[in-house]
Amino acid sequence: MSEPDGAPAPQDDPAAGDSPAEAPEAPEPREAPEASQAPQAPEASPTPPQAEQHEPQAQRP
């Protein structure tokens, strides 16, 4: 019983530490690309800057 308890314990520690560490990293980058590809982000970003630049320039002069 000592071997099974001792063997799985050390193996689970390193394996569990590496697996969970890589798992969270994968979902994070995946979420980032999805948000960038989303039509709301790109459309909202380019639209406001262009409209703001044209509006202030026309109103100032």
Protein backbone atom coordinates (compact mmCIF):
# COMPACT_ATOMS: atom_id res chain seq x y z
CA MET A 1 0.00 0.00 0.00
CA SER A 2 2.98 2.29 0.56
CA GLU A 3 4.12 2.07 -3.07
CA PRO A 4 0.71 2.83 -4.70
CA ASP A 5 0.06 5.72 -2.33
CA GLY A 6 3.59 7.15 -2.71
CA ALA A 7 3.90 6.54 -6.49
CA PRO A 8 0.58 8.17 -7.56
CA ALA A 9 1.05 11.06 -5.14
CA PRO A 10 4.34 12.37 -6.65
CA GLN A 11 3.20 11.65 -10.21
CA ASP A 12 -0.12 13.44 -9.67
CA ASP A 13 1.59 16.51 -8.19
CA PRO A 14 3.88 17.27 -11.19
CA ALA A 15 1.34 16.09 -13.77
CA ALA A 16 -1.52 18.02 -12.16
CA GLY A 17 0.67 21.13 -11.81
CA ASP A 18 1.74 21.05 -15.45
CA SER A 19 -1.69 20.13 -16.85
CA PRO A 20 -3.66 22.88 -15.02
CA ALA A 21 -0.95 25.44 -15.76
CA GLU A 22 -1.14 24.77 -19.51
CA ALA A 23 -4.93 24.41 -19.50
CA PRO A 24 -5.64 27.98 -18.21
CA GLU A 25 -3.08 29.40 -20.64
CA ALA A 26 -4.79 27.79 -23.65
CA PRO A 27 -8.31 29.18 -22.90
CA GLU A 28 -6.94 32.68 -22.25
CA PRO A 29 -5.32 33.10 -25.71
CA ARG A 30 -8.32 31.44 -27.36
CA GLU A 31 -10.68 33.98 -25.78
CA ALA A 32 -8.50 36.90 -26.89
CA PRO A 33 -8.59 35.98 -30.63
CA GLU A 34 -12.34 35.43 -30.44
CA ALA A 35 -12.88 38.93 -29.02
CA SER A 36 -10.58 40.47 -31.64
CA GLN A 37 -12.36 38.64 -34.48
CA ALA A 38 -15.73 39.69 -33.04
CA PRO A 39 -17.43 42.24 -35.38
CA GLN A 40 -18.39 44.48 -32.44
CA ALA A 41 -14.79 45.16 -31.36
CA PRO A 42 -13.29 46.00 -34.82
CA GLU A 43 -16.36 47.89 -36.05
CA ALA A 44 -16.68 49.92 -32.85
CA SER A 45 -12.96 50.79 -32.74
CA PRO A 46 -12.52 52.12 -36.34
CA THR A 47 -15.95 53.77 -36.43
CA PRO A 48 -15.66 56.07 -33.37
CA PRO A 49 -12.10 57.31 -34.14
CA GLN A 50 -13.00 58.24 -37.74
CA ALA A 51 -16.28 59.91 -36.79
CA GLU A 52 -14.68 61.76 -33.86
CA GLN A 53 -11.80 63.04 -36.03
CA HIS A 54 -14.14 64.29 -38.78
CA GLU A 55 -16.65 65.88 -36.40
CA PRO A 56 -14.16 67.89 -34.28
CA GLN A 57 -12.26 69.09 -37.37
CA ALA A 58 -15.45 70.38 -39.02
CA GLN A 59 -16.77 72.01 -35.82
CA ARG A 60 -13.46 73.65 -34.84
CA PRO A 61 -12.91 75.59 -38.11
